[in-house]
PDB file of all heavy atoms in Angstrom:
ATOM      1  N   GLU A   1       7.447 -22.288   0.542  1.00  0.00           N
ATOM      2  CA  GLU A   1       6.344 -21.527   1.140  1.00  0.00           C
ATOM      3  C   GLU A   1       6.145 -20.181   0.406  1.00  0.00           C
ATOM      4  O   GLU A   1       6.994 -19.479  -0.107  1.00  0.00           O
ATOM      5  CB  GLU A   1       6.686 -21.190   2.521  1.00  0.00           C
ATOM      6  CG  GLU A   1       6.470 -22.304   3.581  1.00  0.00           C
ATOM      7  CD  GLU A   1       6.684 -21.852   4.975  1.00  0.00           C
ATOM      8  OE1 GLU A   1       5.843 -20.985   5.354  1.00  0.00           O
ATOM      9  OE2 GLU A   1       7.506 -22.248   5.569  1.00  0.00           O
ATOM     10  N   MET A   2       4.871 -19.700   0.337  1.00  0.00           N
ATOM     11  CA  MET A   2       4.506 -18.350  -0.182  1.00  0.00           C
ATOM     12  C   MET A   2       3.748 -17.734   0.897  1.00  0.00           C
ATOM     13  O   MET A   2       2.745 -18.377   1.523  1.00  0.00           O
ATOM     14  CB  MET A   2       3.623 -18.514  -1.421  1.00  0.00           C
ATOM     15  CG  MET A   2       4.447 -19.135  -2.592  1.00  0.00           C
ATOM     16  SD  MET A   2       3.410 -19.249  -4.091  1.00  0.00           S
ATOM     17  CE  MET A   2       2.347 -20.621  -3.703  1.00  0.00           C
ATOM     18  N   ARG A   3       4.210 -16.475   1.213  1.00  0.00           N
ATOM     19  CA  ARG A   3       3.510 -15.762   2.310  1.00  0.00           C
ATOM     20  C   ARG A   3       3.805 -14.345   2.191  1.00  0.00           C
ATOM     21  O   ARG A   3       4.650 -13.742   1.561  1.00  0.00           O
ATOM     22  CB  ARG A   3       3.865 -16.260   3.785  1.00  0.00           C
ATOM     23  CG  ARG A   3       5.334 -16.088   3.956  1.00  0.00           C
ATOM     24  CD  ARG A   3       5.820 -16.778   5.280  1.00  0.00           C
ATOM     25  NE  ARG A   3       7.105 -16.417   5.817  1.00  0.00           N
ATOM     26  CZ  ARG A   3       8.149 -16.874   5.249  1.00  0.00           C
ATOM     27  NH1 ARG A   3       8.185 -17.611   4.139  1.00  0.00           N
ATOM     28  NH2 ARG A   3       9.518 -16.407   5.733  1.00  0.00           N
ATOM     29  N   PHE A   4       3.032 -13.558   2.967  1.00  0.00           N
ATOM     30  CA  PHE A   4       3.256 -12.090   3.123  1.00  0.00           C
ATOM     31  C   PHE A   4       3.815 -11.978   4.509  1.00  0.00           C
ATOM     32  O   PHE A   4       3.402 -12.566   5.552  1.00  0.00           O
ATOM     33  CB  PHE A   4       1.976 -11.241   3.140  1.00  0.00           C
ATOM     34  CG  PHE A   4       1.244 -11.332   1.772  1.00  0.00           C
ATOM     35  CD1 PHE A   4       0.035 -11.852   1.638  1.00  0.00           C
ATOM     36  CD2 PHE A   4       1.970 -10.693   0.672  1.00  0.00           C
ATOM     37  CE1 PHE A   4      -0.607 -11.718   0.366  1.00  0.00           C
ATOM     38  CE2 PHE A   4       1.347 -10.698  -0.554  1.00  0.00           C
ATOM     39  CZ  PHE A   4       0.143 -11.248  -0.780  1.00  0.00           C
ATOM     40  N   VAL A   5       4.790 -11.075   4.595  1.00  0.00           N
ATOM     41  CA  VAL A   5       5.660 -10.786   5.863  1.00  0.00           C
ATOM     42  C   VAL A   5       5.427  -9.293   6.144  1.00  0.00           C
ATOM     43  O   VAL A   5       5.538  -8.440   5.366  1.00  0.00           O
ATOM     44  CB  VAL A   5       7.121 -11.090   5.772  1.00  0.00           C
ATOM     45  CG1 VAL A   5       7.771 -10.707   7.063  1.00  0.00           C
ATOM     46  CG2 VAL A   5       7.334 -12.588   5.362  1.00  0.00           C
ATOM     47  N   HIS A   6       4.897  -8.914   7.380  1.00  0.00           N
ATOM     48  CA  HIS A   6       4.632  -7.617   7.876  1.00  0.00           C
ATOM     49  C   HIS A   6       4.470  -7.677   9.266  1.00  0.00           C
ATOM     50  O   HIS A   6       4.309  -8.748   9.869  1.00  0.00           O
ATOM     51  CB  HIS A   6       3.358  -7.092   7.175  1.00  0.00           C
ATOM     52  CG  HIS A   6       2.088  -7.979   7.299  1.00  0.00           C
ATOM     53  ND1 HIS A   6       1.492  -8.194   8.376  1.00  0.00           N
ATOM     54  CD2 HIS A   6       1.615  -8.882   6.351  1.00  0.00           C
ATOM     55  CE1 HIS A   6       0.506  -9.042   8.287  1.00  0.00           C
ATOM     56  NE2 HIS A   6       0.596  -9.620   6.990  1.00  0.00           N
ATOM     57  N   GLU A   7       4.545  -6.460   9.885  1.00  0.00           N
ATOM     58  CA  GLU A   7       4.255  -6.340  11.373  1.00  0.00           C
ATOM     59  C   GLU A   7       2.739  -6.753  11.569  1.00  0.00           C
ATOM     60  O   GLU A   7       1.968  -6.762  10.691  1.00  0.00           O
ATOM     61  CB  GLU A   7       4.418  -4.845  11.731  1.00  0.00           C
ATOM     62  CG  GLU A   7       5.893  -4.390  11.522  1.00  0.00           C
ATOM     63  CD  GLU A   7       6.894  -5.032  12.530  1.00  0.00           C
ATOM     64  OE1 GLU A   7       6.602  -5.321  13.702  1.00  0.00           O
ATOM     65  OE2 GLU A   7       7.979  -5.437  12.045  1.00  0.00           O
ATOM     66  N   PRO A   8       2.542  -7.157  12.882  1.00  0.00           N
ATOM     67  CA  PRO A   8       1.067  -7.407  13.271  1.00  0.00           C
ATOM     68  C   PRO A   8       0.240  -6.301  12.865  1.00  0.00           C
ATOM     69  O   PRO A   8       0.600  -5.154  13.022  1.00  0.00           O
ATOM     70  CB  PRO A   8       1.279  -7.553  14.751  1.00  0.00           C
ATOM     71  CG  PRO A   8       2.597  -7.931  15.024  1.00  0.00           C
ATOM     72  CD  PRO A   8       3.475  -7.272  13.943  1.00  0.00           C
ATOM     73  N   LEU A   9      -0.978  -6.591  12.237  1.00  0.00           N
ATOM     74  CA  LEU A   9      -1.873  -5.535  11.773  1.00  0.00           C
ATOM     75  C   LEU A   9      -3.063  -5.398  12.686  1.00  0.00           C
ATOM     76  O   LEU A   9      -3.680  -6.392  13.278  1.00  0.00           O
ATOM     77  CB  LEU A   9      -2.395  -5.996  10.382  1.00  0.00           C
ATOM     78  CG  LEU A   9      -1.425  -5.919   9.249  1.00  0.00           C
ATOM     79  CD1 LEU A   9      -2.025  -6.425   8.015  1.00  0.00           C
ATOM     80  CD2 LEU A   9      -0.838  -4.571   9.094  1.00  0.00           C
ATOM     81  N   THR A  10      -3.424  -4.131  12.858  1.00  0.00           N
ATOM     82  CA  THR A  10      -4.667  -3.784  13.375  1.00  0.00           C
ATOM     83  C   THR A  10      -5.359  -2.746  12.527  1.00  0.00           C
ATOM     84  O   THR A  10      -4.735  -1.722  12.128  1.00  0.00           O
ATOM     85  CB  THR A  10      -4.495  -3.065  14.751  1.00  0.00           C
ATOM     86  OG1 THR A  10      -3.462  -3.714  15.482  1.00  0.00           O
ATOM     87  CG2 THR A  10      -5.901  -3.332  15.594  1.00  0.00           C
ATOM     88  N   ILE A  11      -6.539  -3.088  12.102  1.00  0.00           N
ATOM     89  CA  ILE A  11      -7.238  -2.188  11.154  1.00  0.00           C
ATOM     90  C   ILE A  11      -8.669  -1.838  11.716  1.00  0.00           C
ATOM     91  O   ILE A  11      -9.286  -2.894  12.099  1.00  0.00           O
ATOM     92  CB  ILE A  11      -7.411  -2.724   9.742  1.00  0.00           C
ATOM     93  CG1 ILE A  11      -6.036  -2.913   9.138  1.00  0.00           C
ATOM     94  CG2 ILE A  11      -8.335  -1.766   8.845  1.00  0.00           C
ATOM     95  CD1 ILE A  11      -6.008  -3.617   7.861  1.00  0.00           C
ATOM     96  N   LYS A  12      -9.022  -0.714  11.780  1.00  0.00           N
ATOM     97  CA  LYS A  12     -10.378  -0.404  12.238  1.00  0.00           C
ATOM     98  C   LYS A  12     -11.210   0.432  11.193  1.00  0.00           C
ATOM     99  O   LYS A  12     -10.577   0.986  10.283  1.00  0.00           O
ATOM    100  CB  LYS A  12     -10.373   0.488  13.551  1.00  0.00           C
ATOM    101  CG  LYS A  12      -9.710   1.809  13.458  1.00  0.00           C
ATOM    102  CD  LYS A  12      -9.664   2.503  14.838  1.00  0.00           C
ATOM    103  CE  LYS A  12      -9.245   3.926  14.874  1.00  0.00           C
ATOM    104  NZ  LYS A  12      -7.813   4.117  15.068  1.00  0.00           N
ATOM    105  N   GLN A  13     -12.509   0.345  11.245  1.00  0.00           N
ATOM    106  CA  GLN A  13     -13.410   1.018  10.367  1.00  0.00           C
ATOM    107  C   GLN A  13     -13.007   2.315  10.375  1.00  0.00           C
ATOM    108  O   GLN A  13     -12.852   3.072  11.437  1.00  0.00           O
ATOM    109  CB  GLN A  13     -14.873   0.687  10.643  1.00  0.00           C
ATOM    110  CG  GLN A  13     -15.608   1.209   9.520  1.00  0.00           C
ATOM    111  CD  GLN A  13     -17.148   0.892   9.683  1.00  0.00           C
ATOM    112  OE1 GLN A  13     -17.453   0.009  10.489  1.00  0.00           O
ATOM    113  NE2 GLN A  13     -18.098   1.621   9.064  1.00  0.00           N
ATOM    114  N   GLY A  14     -12.814   3.070   9.233  1.00  0.00           N
ATOM    115  CA  GLY A  14     -12.394   4.436   8.964  1.00  0.00           C
ATOM    116  C   GLY A  14     -11.028   4.470   8.608  1.00  0.00           C
ATOM    117  O   GLY A  14     -10.606   5.664   8.139  1.00  0.00           O
ATOM    118  N   ASP A  15     -10.137   3.606   8.888  1.00  0.00           N
ATOM    119  CA  ASP A  15      -8.714   3.698   8.592  1.00  0.00           C
ATOM    120  C   ASP A  15      -8.620   3.777   7.079  1.00  0.00           C
ATOM    121  O   ASP A  15      -9.229   2.985   6.279  1.00  0.00           O
ATOM    122  CB  ASP A  15      -7.842   2.390   9.005  1.00  0.00           C
ATOM    123  CG  ASP A  15      -7.566   2.539  10.456  1.00  0.00           C
ATOM    124  OD1 ASP A  15      -7.664   3.631  11.130  1.00  0.00           O
ATOM    125  OD2 ASP A  15      -7.038   1.496  11.092  1.00  0.00           O
ATOM    126  N   VAL A  16      -7.564   4.522   6.545  1.00  0.00           N
ATOM    127  CA  VAL A  16      -7.185   4.641   5.299  1.00  0.00           C
ATOM    128  C   VAL A  16      -5.839   4.093   5.289  1.00  0.00           C
ATOM    129  O   VAL A  16      -4.877   4.799   5.827  1.00  0.00           O
ATOM    130  CB  VAL A  16      -7.373   6.112   4.643  1.00  0.00           C
ATOM    131  CG1 VAL A  16      -6.753   6.033   3.205  1.00  0.00           C
ATOM    132  CG2 VAL A  16      -8.658   6.569   4.781  1.00  0.00           C
ATOM    133  N   VAL A  17      -5.467   2.874   4.740  1.00  0.00           N
ATOM    134  CA  VAL A  17      -4.161   2.259   4.823  1.00  0.00           C
ATOM    135  C   VAL A  17      -3.541   2.257   3.525  1.00  0.00           C
ATOM    136  O   VAL A  17      -3.951   1.881   2.488  1.00  0.00           O
ATOM    137  CB  VAL A  17      -4.368   0.865   5.368  1.00  0.00           C
ATOM    138  CG1 VAL A  17      -2.967   0.167   5.429  1.00  0.00           C
ATOM    139  CG2 VAL A  17      -5.139   0.712   6.581  1.00  0.00           C
ATOM    140  N   LYS A  18      -2.290   2.795   3.635  1.00  0.00           N
ATOM    141  CA  LYS A  18      -1.353   2.580   2.421  1.00  0.00           C
ATOM    142  C   LYS A  18      -0.477   1.378   2.612  1.00  0.00           C
ATOM    143  O   LYS A  18       0.362   1.365   3.563  1.00  0.00           O
ATOM    144  CB  LYS A  18      -0.422   3.873   2.276  1.00  0.00           C
ATOM    145  CG  LYS A  18       0.601   3.670   1.104  1.00  0.00           C
ATOM    146  CD  LYS A  18       1.329   4.937   0.772  1.00  0.00           C
ATOM    147  CE  LYS A  18       2.330   5.424   1.869  1.00  0.00           C
ATOM    148  NZ  LYS A  18       3.137   6.635   1.334  1.00  0.00           N
ATOM    149  N   PHE A  19      -0.644   0.401   1.652  1.00  0.00           N
ATOM    150  CA  PHE A  19       0.101  -0.748   1.759  1.00  0.00           C
ATOM    151  C   PHE A  19       1.313  -0.617   0.850  1.00  0.00           C
ATOM    152  O   PHE A  19       1.121  -0.339  -0.415  1.00  0.00           O
ATOM    153  CB  PHE A  19      -0.732  -2.044   1.270  1.00  0.00           C
ATOM    154  CG  PHE A  19      -1.812  -2.386   2.221  1.00  0.00           C
ATOM    155  CD1 PHE A  19      -3.083  -1.856   1.942  1.00  0.00           C
ATOM    156  CD2 PHE A  19      -1.548  -3.168   3.448  1.00  0.00           C
ATOM    157  CE1 PHE A  19      -4.104  -2.148   2.846  1.00  0.00           C
ATOM    158  CE2 PHE A  19      -2.576  -3.422   4.189  1.00  0.00           C
ATOM    159  CZ  PHE A  19      -3.955  -2.972   4.005  1.00  0.00           C
ATOM    160  N   VAL A  20       2.427  -0.635   1.256  1.00  0.00           N
ATOM    161  CA  VAL A  20       3.779  -0.627   0.434  1.00  0.00           C
ATOM    162  C   VAL A  20       4.123  -2.044   0.305  1.00  0.00           C
ATOM    163  O   VAL A  20       4.685  -2.661   1.301  1.00  0.00           O
ATOM    164  CB  VAL A  20       4.717   0.330   1.041  1.00  0.00           C
ATOM    165  CG1 VAL A  20       5.954   0.316  -0.012  1.00  0.00           C
ATOM    166  CG2 VAL A  20       4.207   1.758   1.103  1.00  0.00           C
ATOM    167  N   VAL A  21       4.074  -2.553  -0.931  1.00  0.00           N
ATOM    168  CA  VAL A  21       4.450  -3.972  -1.047  1.00  0.00           C
ATOM    169  C   VAL A  21       5.572  -4.182  -1.975  1.00  0.00           C
ATOM    170  O   VAL A  21       5.677  -3.725  -3.036  1.00  0.00           O
ATOM    171  CB  VAL A  21       3.053  -4.672  -1.646  1.00  0.00           C
ATOM    172  CG1 VAL A  21       3.308  -6.229  -1.771  1.00  0.00           C
ATOM    173  CG2 VAL A  21       1.848  -4.463  -0.916  1.00  0.00           C
ATOM    174  N   THR A  22       6.439  -5.104  -1.366  1.00  0.00           N
ATOM    175  CA  THR A  22       7.637  -5.427  -2.288  1.00  0.00           C
ATOM    176  C   THR A  22       7.682  -6.940  -2.477  1.00  0.00           C
ATOM    177  O   THR A  22       7.609  -7.605  -1.559  1.00  0.00           O
ATOM    178  CB  THR A  22       8.926  -5.044  -1.455  1.00  0.00           C
ATOM    179  OG1 THR A  22       8.926  -3.475  -1.299  1.00  0.00           O
ATOM    180  CG2 THR A  22      10.207  -5.335  -2.335  1.00  0.00           C
ATOM    181  N   ASN A  23       7.923  -7.286  -3.752  1.00  0.00           N
ATOM    182  CA  ASN A  23       7.918  -8.666  -4.136  1.00  0.00           C
ATOM    183  C   ASN A  23       9.483  -9.144  -4.014  1.00  0.00           C
ATOM    184  O   ASN A  23      10.247  -8.907  -4.778  1.00  0.00           O
ATOM    185  CB  ASN A  23       7.503  -8.923  -5.588  1.00  0.00           C
ATOM    186  CG  ASN A  23       7.476 -10.497  -5.837  1.00  0.00           C
ATOM    187  OD1 ASN A  23       7.958 -11.231  -5.074  1.00  0.00           O
ATOM    188  ND2 ASN A  23       6.997 -10.758  -7.003  1.00  0.00           N
ATOM    189  N   ARG A  24       9.669  -9.801  -2.811  1.00  0.00           N
ATOM    190  CA  ARG A  24      11.092 -10.252  -2.604  1.00  0.00           C
ATOM    191  C   ARG A  24      11.309 -11.703  -2.998  1.00  0.00           C
ATOM    192  O   ARG A  24      12.287 -12.342  -2.827  1.00  0.00           O
ATOM    193  CB  ARG A  24      11.451 -10.151  -1.072  1.00  0.00           C
ATOM    194  CG  ARG A  24      11.260  -8.654  -0.583  1.00  0.00           C
ATOM    195  CD  ARG A  24      12.245  -8.363   0.578  1.00  0.00           C
ATOM    196  NE  ARG A  24      11.909  -6.999   1.024  1.00  0.00           N
ATOM    197  CZ  ARG A  24      12.529  -6.017   0.550  1.00  0.00           C
ATOM    198  NH1 ARG A  24      13.368  -6.024  -0.486  1.00  0.00           N
ATOM    199  NH2 ARG A  24      12.228  -4.761   1.045  1.00  0.00           N
ATOM    200  N   GLY A  25      10.305 -12.280  -3.710  1.00  0.00           N
ATOM    201  CA  GLY A  25      10.309 -13.459  -4.222  1.00  0.00           C
ATOM    202  C   GLY A  25      10.985 -13.772  -5.606  1.00  0.00           C
ATOM    203  O   GLY A  25      11.461 -12.731  -6.144  1.00  0.00           O
ATOM    204  N   THR A  26      10.711 -14.911  -6.095  1.00  0.00           N
ATOM    205  CA  THR A  26      11.338 -15.213  -7.457  1.00  0.00           C
ATOM    206  C   THR A  26      10.466 -15.310  -8.554  1.00  0.00           C
ATOM    207  O   THR A  26      10.678 -15.554  -9.786  1.00  0.00           O
ATOM    208  CB  THR A  26      12.157 -16.561  -7.351  1.00  0.00           C
ATOM    209  OG1 THR A  26      11.291 -17.566  -6.866  1.00  0.00           O
ATOM    210  CG2 THR A  26      13.362 -16.451  -6.322  1.00  0.00           C
ATOM    211  N   MET A  27       9.047 -15.188  -8.132  1.00  0.00           N
ATOM    212  CA  MET A  27       8.102 -15.296  -9.192  1.00  0.00           C
ATOM    213  C   MET A  27       7.048 -14.123  -9.079  1.00  0.00           C
ATOM    214  O   MET A  27       7.134 -13.478  -7.983  1.00  0.00           O
ATOM    215  CB  MET A  27       7.190 -16.620  -8.978  1.00  0.00           C
ATOM    216  CG  MET A  27       6.613 -16.844  -7.648  1.00  0.00           C
ATOM    217  SD  MET A  27       5.768 -18.325  -7.332  1.00  0.00           S
ATOM    218  CE  MET A  27       7.134 -19.395  -7.068  1.00  0.00           C
ATOM    219  N   PRO A  28       6.233 -13.799 -10.041  1.00  0.00           N
ATOM    220  CA  PRO A  28       5.243 -12.778  -9.831  1.00  0.00           C
ATOM    221  C   PRO A  28       4.258 -13.119  -8.779  1.00  0.00           C
ATOM    222  O   PRO A  28       4.011 -14.229  -8.453  1.00  0.00           O
ATOM    223  CB  PRO A  28       4.497 -12.654 -11.213  1.00  0.00           C
ATOM    224  CG  PRO A  28       5.374 -13.275 -12.204  1.00  0.00           C
ATOM    225  CD  PRO A  28       6.185 -14.430 -11.367  1.00  0.00           C
ATOM    226  N   HIS A  29       3.851 -12.102  -8.008  1.00  0.00           N
ATOM    227  CA  HIS A  29       2.996 -12.162  -6.918  1.00  0.00           C
ATOM    228  C   HIS A  29       1.877 -11.017  -7.129  1.00  0.00           C
ATOM    229  O   HIS A  29       2.040 -10.011  -7.801  1.00  0.00           O
ATOM    230  CB  HIS A  29       3.439 -12.126  -5.623  1.00  0.00           C
ATOM    231  CG  HIS A  29       4.230 -13.315  -5.135  1.00  0.00           C
ATOM    232  ND1 HIS A  29       3.698 -14.493  -5.009  1.00  0.00           N
ATOM    233  CD2 HIS A  29       5.517 -13.521  -5.112  1.00  0.00           C
ATOM    234  CE1 HIS A  29       4.596 -15.471  -4.732  1.00  0.00           C
ATOM    235  NE2 HIS A  29       5.757 -14.771  -4.725  1.00  0.00           N
ATOM    236  N   GLU A  30       0.748 -11.259  -6.427  1.00  0.00           N
ATOM    237  CA  GLU A  30      -0.307 -10.149  -6.485  1.00  0.00           C
ATOM    238  C   GLU A  30      -0.679  -9.902  -4.902  1.00  0.00           C
ATOM    239  O   GLU A  30      -0.468 -10.797  -4.102  1.00  0.00           O
ATOM    240  CB  GLU A  30      -1.626 -10.849  -7.169  1.00  0.00           C
ATOM    241  CG  GLU A  30      -2.786  -9.868  -7.134  1.00  0.00           C
ATOM    242  CD  GLU A  30      -3.998 -10.530  -7.851  1.00  0.00           C
ATOM    243  OE1 GLU A  30      -4.123 -10.640  -9.024  1.00  0.00           O
ATOM    244  OE2 GLU A  30      -4.851 -11.005  -7.033  1.00  0.00           O
ATOM    245  N   PHE A  31      -1.018  -8.700  -4.750  1.00  0.00           N
ATOM    246  CA  PHE A  31      -1.500  -8.163  -3.443  1.00  0.00           C
ATOM    247  C   PHE A  31      -2.850  -7.691  -3.619  1.00  0.00           C
ATOM    248  O   PHE A  31      -3.044  -6.686  -4.373  1.00  0.00           O
ATOM    249  CB  PHE A  31      -0.584  -7.301  -2.897  1.00  0.00           C
ATOM    250  CG  PHE A  31      -0.941  -6.696  -1.428  1.00  0.00           C
ATOM    251  CD1 PHE A  31      -0.586  -7.533  -0.330  1.00  0.00           C
ATOM    252  CD2 PHE A  31      -1.663  -5.667  -1.354  1.00  0.00           C
ATOM    253  CE1 PHE A  31      -0.989  -6.991   0.907  1.00  0.00           C
ATOM    254  CE2 PHE A  31      -2.142  -5.206  -0.068  1.00  0.00           C
ATOM    255  CZ  PHE A  31      -1.794  -5.801   1.060  1.00  0.00           C
ATOM    256  N   SER A  32      -3.816  -8.334  -3.013  1.00  0.00           N
ATOM    257  CA  SER A  32      -5.128  -7.798  -3.113  1.00  0.00           C
ATOM    258  C   SER A  32      -5.700  -7.603  -1.784  1.00  0.00           C
ATOM    259  O   SER A  32      -5.563  -8.521  -0.817  1.00  0.00           O
ATOM    260  CB  SER A  32      -5.973  -8.607  -3.995  1.00  0.00           C
ATOM    261  OG  SER A  32      -6.191  -9.913  -3.520  1.00  0.00           O
ATOM    262  N   VAL A  33      -6.575  -6.730  -1.620  1.00  0.00           N
ATOM    263  CA  VAL A  33      -7.340  -6.450  -0.320  1.00  0.00           C
ATOM    264  C   VAL A  33      -8.904  -6.780  -0.539  1.00  0.00           C
ATOM    265  O   VAL A  33      -9.436  -6.472  -1.627  1.00  0.00           O
ATOM    266  CB  VAL A  33      -7.206  -5.009   0.185  1.00  0.00           C
ATOM    267  CG1 VAL A  33      -7.727  -4.052  -0.813  1.00  0.00           C
ATOM    268  CG2 VAL A  33      -7.613  -4.908   1.513  1.00  0.00           C
ATOM    269  N   GLY A  34      -9.477  -7.425   0.495  1.00  0.00           N
ATOM    270  CA  GLY A  34     -10.904  -7.590   0.347  1.00  0.00           C
ATOM    271  C   GLY A  34     -11.329  -8.301   1.659  1.00  0.00           C
ATOM    272  O   GLY A  34     -10.555  -8.322   2.659  1.00  0.00           O
ATOM    273  N   ASP A  35     -12.706  -8.546   1.687  1.00  0.00           N
ATOM    274  CA  ASP A  35     -13.263  -9.207   2.946  1.00  0.00           C
ATOM    275  C   ASP A  35     -13.133 -10.728   2.506  1.00  0.00           C
ATOM    276  O   ASP A  35     -12.947 -11.201   1.461  1.00  0.00           O
ATOM    277  CB  ASP A  35     -14.523  -8.703   3.291  1.00  0.00           C
ATOM    278  CG  ASP A  35     -15.666  -8.811   2.274  1.00  0.00           C
ATOM    279  OD1 ASP A  35     -15.403  -9.434   0.991  1.00  0.00           O
ATOM    280  OD2 ASP A  35     -16.729  -8.436   2.344  1.00  0.00           O
ATOM    281  N   SER A  36     -13.501 -11.655   3.514  1.00  0.00           N
ATOM    282  CA  SER A  36     -13.438 -13.006   3.291  1.00  0.00           C
ATOM    283  C   SER A  36     -14.304 -13.526   2.148  1.00  0.00           C
ATOM    284  O   SER A  36     -13.774 -14.228   1.223  1.00  0.00           O
ATOM    285  CB  SER A  36     -13.857 -13.785   4.624  1.00  0.00           C
ATOM    286  OG  SER A  36     -13.048 -13.441   5.668  1.00  0.00           O
ATOM    287  N   PRO A  37     -15.520 -13.050   2.007  1.00  0.00           N
ATOM    288  CA  PRO A  37     -16.320 -13.607   0.936  1.00  0.00           C
ATOM    289  C   PRO A  37     -15.790 -13.112  -0.454  1.00  0.00           C
ATOM    290  O   PRO A  37     -15.765 -13.898  -1.440  1.00  0.00           O
ATOM    291  CB  PRO A  37     -17.785 -12.983   1.083  1.00  0.00           C
ATOM    292  CG  PRO A  37     -17.747 -12.703   2.494  1.00  0.00           C
ATOM    293  CD  PRO A  37     -16.309 -12.303   2.994  1.00  0.00           C
ATOM    294  N   SER A  38     -15.394 -11.832  -0.606  1.00  0.00           N
ATOM    295  CA  SER A  38     -14.866 -11.439  -1.909  1.00  0.00           C
ATOM    296  C   SER A  38     -13.664 -12.157  -2.302  1.00  0.00           C
ATOM    297  O   SER A  38     -13.412 -12.444  -3.445  1.00  0.00           O
ATOM    298  CB  SER A  38     -14.668  -9.877  -1.945  1.00  0.00           C
ATOM    299  OG  SER A  38     -13.601  -9.556  -1.067  1.00  0.00           O
ATOM    300  N   GLN A  39     -12.703 -12.479  -1.281  1.00  0.00           N
ATOM    301  CA  GLN A  39     -11.411 -13.010  -1.642  1.00  0.00           C
ATOM    302  C   GLN A  39     -11.763 -14.577  -1.980  1.00  0.00           C
ATOM    303  O   GLN A  39     -11.145 -15.041  -2.888  1.00  0.00           O
ATOM    304  CB  GLN A  39     -10.476 -13.043  -0.486  1.00  0.00           C
ATOM    305  CG  GLN A  39      -9.914 -11.632  -0.237  1.00  0.00           C
ATOM    306  CD  GLN A  39      -8.954 -11.223  -1.357  1.00  0.00           C
ATOM    307  OE1 GLN A  39      -8.936 -11.563  -2.472  1.00  0.00           O
ATOM    308  NE2 GLN A  39      -8.108 -10.207  -0.922  1.00  0.00           N
TER     309      GLN A  39
END
């Protein structure tokens, strides 16, 4: 399995979020943010 693990998220318009991402896996990963169409 490949997945992101984090606490439940709530984001509202206007939030400025700092994502601190750690790759705990064995291969390179990417973390990208976007809306459904862009992703």
